[in-house]
C-alpha atoms as a PDB file:
ATOM      1  CA  MET A   1     119.720  85.083  -4.190  1.00  0.00           C
ATOM      2  CA  GLY A   2     123.533  84.675  -3.222  1.00  0.00           C
ATOM      3  CA  VAL A   3     125.113  82.000  -1.088  1.00  0.00           C
ATOM      4  CA  ASN A   4     124.230  81.274   2.692  1.00  0.00           C
ATOM      5  CA  TYR A   5     126.815  82.831   4.552  1.00  0.00           C
ATOM      6  CA  PHE A   6     128.103  80.367   6.667  1.00  0.00           C
ATOM      7  CA  ASN A   7     128.006  78.033   3.578  1.00  0.00           C
ATOM      8  CA  SER A   8     130.697  80.649   2.480  1.00  0.00           C
ATOM      9  CA  ILE A   9     132.914  80.364   5.342  1.00  0.00           C
ATOM     10  CA  PRO A  10     134.947  77.030   6.620  1.00  0.00           C
ATOM     11  CA  TRP A  11     133.176  74.913   8.693  1.00  0.00           C
ATOM     12  CA  ARG A  12     135.184  75.247  11.806  1.00  0.00           C
ATOM     13  CA  GLU A  13     135.121  78.985  11.518  1.00  0.00           C
ATOM     14  CA  ALA A  14     131.119  78.791  11.250  1.00  0.00           C
ATOM     15  CA  ARG A  15     131.243  76.990  14.031  1.00  0.00           C
ATOM     16  CA  LEU A  16     133.550  79.283  15.902  1.00  0.00           C
ATOM     17  CA  GLN A  17     131.005  82.244  15.215  1.00  0.00           C
ATOM     18  CA  LEU A  18     127.718  80.370  16.340  1.00  0.00           C
ATOM     19  CA  GLY A  19     129.123  79.560  19.351  1.00  0.00           C
ATOM     20  CA  HIS A  20     129.316  83.086  20.930  1.00  0.00           C
ATOM     21  CA  CYS A  21     125.817  83.400  21.327  1.00  0.00           C
ATOM     22  CA  ARG A  22     125.298  84.194  25.190  1.00  0.00           C
ATOM     23  CA  SER A  23     122.813  86.006  27.312  1.00  0.00           C
ATOM     24  CA  MET A  24     124.313  89.077  28.411  1.00  0.00           C
ATOM     25  CA  ALA A  25     124.324  90.349  32.255  1.00  0.00           C
ATOM     26  CA  LYS A  26     122.475  94.242  32.788  1.00  0.00           C
ATOM     27  CA  GLU A  27     125.488  95.558  33.505  1.00  0.00           C
ATOM     28  CA  GLU A  28     127.280  95.148  30.011  1.00  0.00           C
ATOM     29  CA  PHE A  29     124.721  97.842  29.068  1.00  0.00           C
ATOM     30  CA  ALA A  30     125.883 100.220  31.808  1.00  0.00           C
ATOM     31  CA  ASP A  31     126.334 103.109  29.254  1.00  0.00           C
ATOM     32  CA  GLY A  32     123.283 103.362  27.847  1.00  0.00           C
ATOM     33  CA  VAL A  33     123.102 105.091  24.580  1.00  0.00           C
ATOM     34  CA  ASN A  34     126.647 107.101  25.276  1.00  0.00           C
ATOM     35  CA  ALA A  35     128.020 105.477  22.322  1.00  0.00           C
ATOM     36  CA  LEU A  36     125.673 106.929  19.813  1.00  0.00           C
ATOM     37  CA  LYS A  37     125.163 110.613  21.664  1.00  0.00           C
ATOM     38  CA  GLY A  38     126.257 112.788  18.864  1.00  0.00           C
ATOM     39  CA  LYS A  39     125.995 110.734  15.974  1.00  0.00           C
ATOM     40  CA  LYS A  40     123.443 111.002  13.063  1.00  0.00           C
ATOM     41  CA  ILE A  41     120.993 107.985  12.999  1.00  0.00           C
ATOM     42  CA  VAL A  42     119.145 107.731   9.562  1.00  0.00           C
ATOM     43  CA  ILE A  43     116.389 104.884   9.580  1.00  0.00           C
ATOM     44  CA  VAL A  44     115.791 103.671   5.857  1.00  0.00           C
ATOM     45  CA  GLY A  45     111.975 102.479   6.287  1.00  0.00           C
ATOM     46  CA  CYS A  46     108.869 103.817   8.708  1.00  0.00           C
ATOM     47  CA  GLY A  47     106.794 100.868   8.648  1.00  0.00           C
ATOM     48  CA  ALA A  48     106.050  98.898  12.288  1.00  0.00           C
ATOM     49  CA  GLN A  49     109.421  98.433  13.368  1.00  0.00           C
ATOM     50  CA  GLY A  50     111.173 101.418  11.739  1.00  0.00           C
ATOM     51  CA  LEU A  51     108.975 103.942  13.397  1.00  0.00           C
ATOM     52  CA  ASN A  52     108.860 102.621  16.599  1.00  0.00           C
ATOM     53  CA  GLN A  53     112.362 101.652  16.972  1.00  0.00           C
ATOM     54  CA  GLY A  54     113.110 105.296  15.816  1.00  0.00           C
ATOM     55  CA  LEU A  55     110.821 106.583  18.667  1.00  0.00           C
ATOM     56  CA  CYS A  56     112.562 104.463  21.306  1.00  0.00           C
ATOM     57  CA  LEU A  57     116.282 106.057  20.115  1.00  0.00           C
ATOM     58  CA  ARG A  58     114.688 109.575  19.680  1.00  0.00           C
ATOM     59  CA  ASP A  59     113.210 109.639  22.953  1.00  0.00           C
ATOM     60  CA  SER A  60     116.241 108.462  24.515  1.00  0.00           C
ATOM     61  CA  GLY A  61     117.932 111.468  23.710  1.00  0.00           C
ATOM     62  CA  LEU A  62     119.405 110.455  20.360  1.00  0.00           C
ATOM     63  CA  ASP A  63     119.334 112.150  16.586  1.00  0.00           C
ATOM     64  CA  VAL A  64     117.260 110.112  14.666  1.00  0.00           C
ATOM     65  CA  SER A  65     115.805 110.906  11.091  1.00  0.00           C
ATOM     66  CA  TYR A  66     114.206 109.005   8.256  1.00  0.00           C
ATOM     67  CA  ALA A  67     115.431 108.164   4.574  1.00  0.00           C
ATOM     68  CA  LEU A  68     112.836 107.482   2.126  1.00  0.00           C
ATOM     69  CA  ARG A  69     112.371 107.003  -1.334  1.00  0.00           C
ATOM     70  CA  GLU A  70     111.902 109.983  -3.490  1.00  0.00           C
ATOM     71  CA  ALA A  71     108.720 108.491  -4.787  1.00  0.00           C
ATOM     72  CA  ALA A  72     106.975 107.350  -0.737  1.00  0.00           C
ATOM     73  CA  ILE A  73     108.398 111.624  -0.720  1.00  0.00           C
ATOM     74  CA  LYS A  74     106.461 112.871  -3.674  1.00  0.00           C
ATOM     75  CA  GLU A  75     103.405 110.720  -3.343  1.00  0.00           C
ATOM     76  CA  LYS A  76     103.153 110.761   0.518  1.00  0.00           C
ATOM     77  CA  ARG A  77     102.820 106.935   1.187  1.00  0.00           C
ATOM     78  CA  GLN A  78     102.555 105.420   4.557  1.00  0.00           C
ATOM     79  CA  SER A  79     105.951 105.129   5.738  1.00  0.00           C
ATOM     80  CA  TRP A  80     106.272 109.595   4.784  1.00  0.00           C
ATOM     81  CA  LYS A  81     102.771 109.962   6.848  1.00  0.00           C
ATOM     82  CA  ASN A  82     104.464 108.052   9.344  1.00  0.00           C
ATOM     83  CA  ALA A  83     107.728 109.803  10.168  1.00  0.00           C
ATOM     84  CA  THR A  84     106.371 113.308   9.547  1.00  0.00           C
ATOM     85  CA  GLU A  85     103.089 112.779  11.605  1.00  0.00           C
ATOM     86  CA  ASN A  86     105.534 111.838  14.319  1.00  0.00           C
ATOM     87  CA  GLY A  87     107.602 115.014  13.964  1.00  0.00           C
ATOM     88  CA  PHE A  88     110.979 113.485  12.273  1.00  0.00           C
ATOM     89  CA  LYS A  89     113.151 114.982   9.533  1.00  0.00           C
ATOM     90  CA  VAL A  90     112.489 113.172   6.159  1.00  0.00           C
ATOM     91  CA  GLY A  91     114.488 113.328   3.427  1.00  0.00           C
ATOM     92  CA  THR A  92     115.982 111.072   0.226  1.00  0.00           C
ATOM     93  CA  TYR A  93     118.390 108.494   0.176  1.00  0.00           C
ATOM     94  CA  ASP A  94     120.821 111.163  -1.492  1.00  0.00           C
ATOM     95  CA  GLU A  95     120.222 113.728   1.251  1.00  0.00           C
ATOM     96  CA  LEU A  96     120.457 111.753   4.185  1.00  0.00           C
ATOM     97  CA  ILE A  97     122.412 108.931   4.059  1.00  0.00           C
ATOM     98  CA  PRO A  98     125.725 110.532   2.673  1.00  0.00           C
ATOM     99  CA  THR A  99     125.696 112.421   6.309  1.00  0.00           C
ATOM    100  CA  ALA A 100     125.013 109.441   8.636  1.00  0.00           C
ATOM    101  CA  ASP A 101     126.749 107.760  11.086  1.00  0.00           C
ATOM    102  CA  LEU A 102     124.671 104.932  11.285  1.00  0.00           C
ATOM    103  CA  VAL A 103     122.379 103.810   8.709  1.00  0.00           C
ATOM    104  CA  GLY A 104     119.286 101.622  10.018  1.00  0.00           C
ATOM    105  CA  ASN A 105     117.655  98.829   7.442  1.00  0.00           C
ATOM    106  CA  LEU A 106     114.288  98.467   8.559  1.00  0.00           C
ATOM    107  CA  THR A 107     112.837  97.571   4.993  1.00  0.00           C
ATOM    108  CA  PRO A 108     110.887  94.693   4.910  1.00  0.00           C
ATOM    109  CA  ASP A 109     112.889  91.398   3.852  1.00  0.00           C
ATOM    110  CA  LYS A 110     111.893  91.430   0.060  1.00  0.00           C
ATOM    111  CA  GLN A 111     113.806  94.803  -0.155  1.00  0.00           C
ATOM    112  CA  HIS A 112     116.636  94.349   1.694  1.00  0.00           C
ATOM    113  CA  THR A 113     119.438  93.386  -1.237  1.00  0.00           C
ATOM    114  CA  ALA A 114     117.742  96.135  -3.506  1.00  0.00           C
ATOM    115  CA  VAL A 115     117.695  98.424  -0.321  1.00  0.00           C
ATOM    116  CA  ILE A 116     121.282  97.792   0.870  1.00  0.00           C
ATOM    117  CA  THR A 117     122.719  97.975  -2.565  1.00  0.00           C
ATOM    118  CA  GLU A 118     121.455 101.841  -3.091  1.00  0.00           C
ATOM    119  CA  VAL A 119     122.361 102.887   0.537  1.00  0.00           C
ATOM    120  CA  MET A 120     125.775 101.447   0.800  1.00  0.00           C
ATOM    121  CA  LYS A 121     126.762 103.169  -2.018  1.00  0.00           C
ATOM    122  CA  ARG A 122     126.039 106.552  -0.787  1.00  0.00           C
ATOM    123  CA  MET A 123     127.390 105.559   3.078  1.00  0.00           C
ATOM    124  CA  LYS A 124     130.315 107.466   3.951  1.00  0.00           C
ATOM    125  CA  LYS A 125     133.985 105.832   4.769  1.00  0.00           C
ATOM    126  CA  GLY A 126     133.552 104.735   8.304  1.00  0.00           C
ATOM    127  CA  SER A 127     129.822 104.539   9.225  1.00  0.00           C
ATOM    128  CA  ALA A 128     128.187 101.729  10.269  1.00  0.00           C
ATOM    129  CA  LEU A 129     124.827  99.722   8.898  1.00  0.00           C
ATOM    130  CA  TRP A 130     122.057  98.361  11.132  1.00  0.00           C
ATOM    131  CA  TYR A 131     119.846  95.586  10.824  1.00  0.00           C
ATOM    132  CA  SER A 132     116.831  94.860  12.967  1.00  0.00           C
ATOM    133  CA  HIS A 133     117.597  90.728  11.757  1.00  0.00           C
ATOM    134  CA  GLY A 134     120.062  88.821   9.818  1.00  0.00           C
ATOM    135  CA  PHE A 135     118.368  87.328   6.778  1.00  0.00           C
ATOM    136  CA  ASN A 136     120.025  89.188   4.727  1.00  0.00           C
ATOM    137  CA  MET A 137     123.416  88.861   5.785  1.00  0.00           C
ATOM    138  CA  ILE A 138     123.121  85.169   6.630  1.00  0.00           C
ATOM    139  CA  GLU A 139     120.574  83.744   3.944  1.00  0.00           C
ATOM    140  CA  GLU A 140     121.626  86.236   0.725  1.00  0.00           C
ATOM    141  CA  GLY A 141     125.468  86.556   1.742  1.00  0.00           C
ATOM    142  CA  MET A 142     125.065  90.630   1.246  1.00  0.00           C
ATOM    143  CA  GLN A 143     128.720  91.641   0.990  1.00  0.00           C
ATOM    144  CA  ILE A 144     129.107  95.028   2.736  1.00  0.00           C
ATOM    145  CA  ARG A 145     131.650  97.149   2.061  1.00  0.00           C
ATOM    146  CA  PRO A 146     134.941  96.681   4.200  1.00  0.00           C
ATOM    147  CA  ASP A 147     135.071 100.221   5.939  1.00  0.00           C
ATOM    148  CA  ILE A 148     131.594  99.975   7.022  1.00  0.00           C
ATOM    149  CA  THR A 149     130.777  98.405  10.777  1.00  0.00           C
ATOM    150  CA  VAL A 150     127.470  96.038  10.537  1.00  0.00           C
ATOM    151  CA  VAL A 151     125.251  95.373  13.801  1.00  0.00           C
ATOM    152  CA  MET A 152     122.228  93.870  14.586  1.00  0.00           C
ATOM    153  CA  CYS A 153     119.779  94.856  17.016  1.00  0.00           C
ATOM    154  CA  ALA A 154     116.768  92.965  16.648  1.00  0.00           C
ATOM    155  CA  PRO A 155     113.980  93.221  19.342  1.00  0.00           C
ATOM    156  CA  LYS A 156     111.921  90.120  19.472  1.00  0.00           C
ATOM    157  CA  GLY A 157     108.594  91.941  19.576  1.00  0.00           C
ATOM    158  CA  PRO A 158     105.783  94.020  17.310  1.00  0.00           C
ATOM    159  CA  GLY A 159     106.849  97.339  17.032  1.00  0.00           C
ATOM    160  CA  THR A 160     103.873  98.391  18.602  1.00  0.00           C
ATOM    161  CA  GLU A 161     105.370  96.633  21.764  1.00  0.00           C
ATOM    162  CA  VAL A 162     108.769  97.848  21.522  1.00  0.00           C
ATOM    163  CA  TRP A 163     107.229 101.162  21.732  1.00  0.00           C
ATOM    164  CA  HIS A 164     104.720 100.254  24.353  1.00  0.00           C
ATOM    165  CA  GLU A 165     107.367  98.771  26.454  1.00  0.00           C
ATOM    166  CA  PHE A 166     110.008 101.521  26.171  1.00  0.00           C
ATOM    167  CA  GLN A 167     107.220 103.965  27.395  1.00  0.00           C
ATOM    168  CA  ARG A 168     106.679 101.786  30.253  1.00  0.00           C
ATOM    169  CA  GLY A 169     110.412 102.144  31.104  1.00  0.00           C
ATOM    170  CA  PHE A 170     110.355  98.518  30.319  1.00  0.00           C
ATOM    171  CA  GLY A 171     111.446  97.031  27.152  1.00  0.00           C
ATOM    172  CA  VAL A 172     111.835  93.458  25.203  1.00  0.00           C
ATOM    173  CA  PRO A 173     114.415  90.903  24.877  1.00  0.00           C
ATOM    174  CA  ASP A 174     116.552  91.824  21.855  1.00  0.00           C
ATOM    175  CA  LEU A 175     118.984  89.831  20.244  1.00  0.00           C
ATOM    176  CA  ILE A 176     122.519  91.662  19.229  1.00  0.00           C
ATOM    177  CA  ALA A 177     125.377  90.875  16.987  1.00  0.00           C
ATOM    178  CA  VAL A 178     128.125  92.387  15.395  1.00  0.00           C
ATOM    179  CA  HIS A 179     129.340  91.085  11.990  1.00  0.00           C
ATOM    180  CA  PRO A 180     132.836  89.397  12.761  1.00  0.00           C
ATOM    181  CA  VAL A 181     134.480  90.676   9.090  1.00  0.00           C
ATOM    182  CA  ASN A 182     132.939  94.007   9.342  1.00  0.00           C
ATOM    183  CA  ASP A 183     134.079  95.746  12.186  1.00  0.00           C
ATOM    184  CA  PRO A 184     136.961  97.246  11.248  1.00  0.00           C
ATOM    185  CA  GLU A 185     137.106 100.236  14.278  1.00  0.00           C
ATOM    186  CA  GLY A 186     135.905  98.019  16.946  1.00  0.00           C
ATOM    187  CA  LYS A 187     132.243  99.951  17.357  1.00  0.00           C
ATOM    188  CA  GLY A 188     130.270  97.192  16.988  1.00  0.00           C
ATOM    189  CA  TRP A 189     129.737  95.979  20.516  1.00  0.00           C
ATOM    190  CA  ALA A 190     129.141  99.600  21.715  1.00  0.00           C
ATOM    191  CA  TYR A 191     126.806 100.644  18.957  1.00  0.00           C
ATOM    192  CA  ALA A 192     124.333  97.713  19.510  1.00  0.00           C
ATOM    193  CA  LYS A 193     124.609  97.566  22.747  1.00  0.00           C
ATOM    194  CA  ALA A 194     123.469 101.306  22.495  1.00  0.00           C
ATOM    195  CA  LEU A 195     120.512 100.319  20.057  1.00  0.00           C
ATOM    196  CA  ALA A 196     119.541  97.226  22.509  1.00  0.00           C
ATOM    197  CA  VAL A 197     119.236 100.252  25.493  1.00  0.00           C
ATOM    198  CA  GLY A 198     117.569 103.009  23.031  1.00  0.00           C
END
């Protein structure tokens, strides 16, 4: 396990970063999913959160596919069934990650470090990485390549509720964030807000 992110930076910097938390007005999301239109989104993990967040994004008009481990595809595991039975394109890390503009890590917590280590070496320069919560970045101190934008969009509800509320025209509250060190192109907030809307 790595070093807690906030223990690795000066106390004043940690305090400044933590002090940015605030509620956001509806008007701040007026652009909808436009920041992600025409972008290739690849989600790693197709369990409860991965499947349901992918359904919401696809039904918002976005290009979504799933990258799974080769064994999951060959053995037709549940993640493969979830994606294929819902009409998503499925491929291996090598097939899909290098072409992705945004990679979503929606795998179980205990797999994050191993998954990100494999995914990051395949990500194209200038792409973005999306987490559904910050445990891996904060508690394990995962270091991401400096050319990659890192965002978080964390729905505060089970995946099935996220999808159900989306279908009703509503949503669940989300926590969104942009890593202050990993936003080299300044696109992080636009991506995070688009994920929250989608």
